Protein backbone atom coordinates (compact mmCIF):
# COMPACT_ATOMS: atom_id res chain seq x y z
CA GLN A 1 167.81 -39.37 168.11
CA VAL A 2 170.11 -41.84 166.34
CA GLN A 3 168.54 -44.77 164.56
CA LEU A 4 170.32 -47.61 162.78
CA VAL A 5 168.34 -49.90 160.48
CA GLU A 6 170.00 -52.97 158.95
CA SER A 7 168.93 -54.80 155.82
CA GLY A 8 170.30 -57.31 153.33
CA GLY A 9 170.50 -60.48 155.39
CA GLY A 10 169.26 -63.82 154.16
CA LEU A 11 170.13 -67.38 153.24
CA VAL A 12 173.16 -67.99 151.05
CA GLN A 13 175.16 -71.04 150.04
CA PRO A 14 178.76 -71.51 151.16
CA GLY A 15 181.07 -69.53 148.91
CA GLY A 16 178.36 -67.02 148.12
CA SER A 17 178.12 -63.28 148.78
CA LEU A 18 175.81 -60.88 150.57
CA ARG A 19 175.86 -57.14 151.14
CA LEU A 20 174.46 -55.78 154.38
CA SER A 21 173.31 -52.18 154.63
CA CYS A 22 172.85 -49.98 157.69
CA ALA A 23 170.85 -46.81 157.16
CA ALA A 24 171.80 -44.28 159.83
CA SER A 25 169.74 -41.27 160.85
CA GLY A 26 170.87 -38.60 163.27
CA THR A 27 174.57 -39.36 162.81
CA ILE A 28 177.51 -37.75 161.09
CA PHE A 29 180.03 -40.39 160.14
CA ALA A 30 182.96 -38.02 160.67
CA ILE A 31 182.40 -38.12 164.44
CA TYR A 32 181.44 -41.78 164.71
CA THR A 33 183.11 -45.12 164.50
CA MET A 34 180.63 -47.29 162.63
CA GLY A 35 180.84 -51.03 162.84
CA TRP A 36 179.33 -54.42 162.30
CA TYR A 37 179.11 -57.05 165.03
CA ARG A 38 177.63 -60.52 164.96
CA GLN A 39 176.21 -63.02 167.40
CA ALA A 40 175.83 -66.70 166.67
CA PRO A 41 173.53 -68.93 168.75
CA GLY A 42 175.07 -69.70 172.13
CA LYS A 43 177.99 -67.33 171.56
CA GLN A 44 178.89 -63.83 172.63
CA ARG A 45 178.53 -60.89 170.30
CA GLU A 46 181.80 -60.28 168.46
CA LEU A 47 183.35 -57.54 166.38
CA VAL A 48 183.33 -58.08 162.63
CA ALA A 49 184.57 -54.76 161.24
CA THR A 50 184.73 -51.05 162.02
CA ILE A 51 185.31 -47.89 160.02
CA THR A 52 186.28 -44.47 161.38
CA GLY A 53 186.28 -41.23 159.46
CA GLY A 54 185.12 -43.08 156.40
CA SER A 55 188.50 -44.63 155.70
CA SER A 56 190.25 -46.18 158.71
CA THR A 57 189.11 -49.79 158.89
CA ASN A 58 189.58 -52.69 161.27
CA TYR A 59 188.60 -56.33 160.74
CA ALA A 60 188.35 -59.47 162.81
CA ASP A 61 190.99 -62.00 161.73
CA SER A 62 188.25 -64.45 160.78
CA VAL A 63 186.87 -62.15 158.05
CA LYS A 64 190.00 -60.41 156.74
CA GLY A 65 190.27 -60.70 152.99
CA ARG A 66 186.61 -61.76 152.67
CA PHE A 67 184.58 -58.87 154.12
CA THR A 68 184.76 -55.17 153.31
CA ILE A 69 183.20 -52.35 155.32
CA SER A 70 182.47 -49.02 153.65
CA THR A 71 180.34 -45.91 153.97
CA ASP A 72 178.34 -43.74 151.59
CA ASN A 73 178.12 -40.31 153.19
CA ALA A 74 175.55 -39.06 150.69
CA LYS A 75 173.20 -41.88 151.67
CA ASN A 76 174.29 -41.99 155.33
CA THR A 77 174.68 -45.72 154.95
CA VAL A 78 177.26 -48.23 156.12
CA TYR A 79 177.81 -51.39 154.09
CA LEU A 80 179.34 -54.77 154.79
CA GLN A 81 180.23 -56.67 151.65
CA MET A 82 180.65 -60.33 152.53
CA ASN A 83 182.29 -62.69 150.05
CA SER A 84 183.36 -66.33 150.24
CA LEU A 85 180.87 -66.92 153.01
CA LYS A 86 181.30 -69.91 155.29
CA PRO A 87 178.79 -71.74 157.51
CA GLU A 88 180.59 -70.30 160.54
CA ASP A 89 179.60 -66.82 159.37
CA THR A 90 176.00 -67.67 160.25
CA ALA A 91 174.81 -65.18 162.87
CA VAL A 92 172.66 -62.17 163.54
CA TYR A 93 174.59 -59.14 162.31
CA TYR A 94 174.23 -55.84 164.13
CA CYS A 95 175.13 -52.33 163.04
CA ASN A 96 176.83 -50.21 165.70
CA GLY A 97 177.69 -46.55 166.03
CA LYS A 98 180.03 -45.11 168.64
CA ARG A 99 180.19 -41.33 168.97
CA LEU A 100 183.81 -40.18 169.22
CA ILE A 101 183.19 -36.89 171.04
CA ILE A 102 181.31 -36.09 174.23
CA PRO A 103 178.67 -37.34 174.81
CA LYS A 104 180.23 -40.66 173.78
CA ASN A 105 176.98 -42.48 173.19
CA GLU A 106 176.66 -45.87 171.54
CA TYR A 107 173.83 -47.12 169.36
CA TRP A 108 172.74 -50.49 167.97
CA GLY A 109 170.48 -51.59 165.18
CA GLN A 110 167.92 -54.36 165.54
CA GLY A 111 170.01 -56.94 163.69
CA THR A 112 169.66 -58.92 160.49
CA GLN A 113 169.98 -62.70 160.15
CA VAL A 114 172.64 -64.18 157.88
CA THR A 115 172.50 -67.94 157.31
CA VAL A 116 175.16 -69.74 155.29
CA SER A 117 174.03 -73.23 154.42
CA SER A 118 173.72 -75.61 151.51
């Protein structure tokens, strides 16, 4: 059974930084695309960043140059380093895992709140 547990959210001032962590159990990153999504109040959940095979990354235009997704295979953990945070980054951030081979299951974490405010 795959489980994804996020941590690292909180309140930060505009321009500040946070690092989110997603501890994954039951997964092997080599056969998963791991990602971070976010959902702000009243809005749909949106892609933030994904990483496949530990090196191929993809970012939403709104976070390019500010956020970095990475993995630590030894710790089975996915990170999202967020710099130069803006109020519009405020959302619940969710960790996601998509299995690349059959069965192509998809998993979600419970989410962690990020609030950017002065």
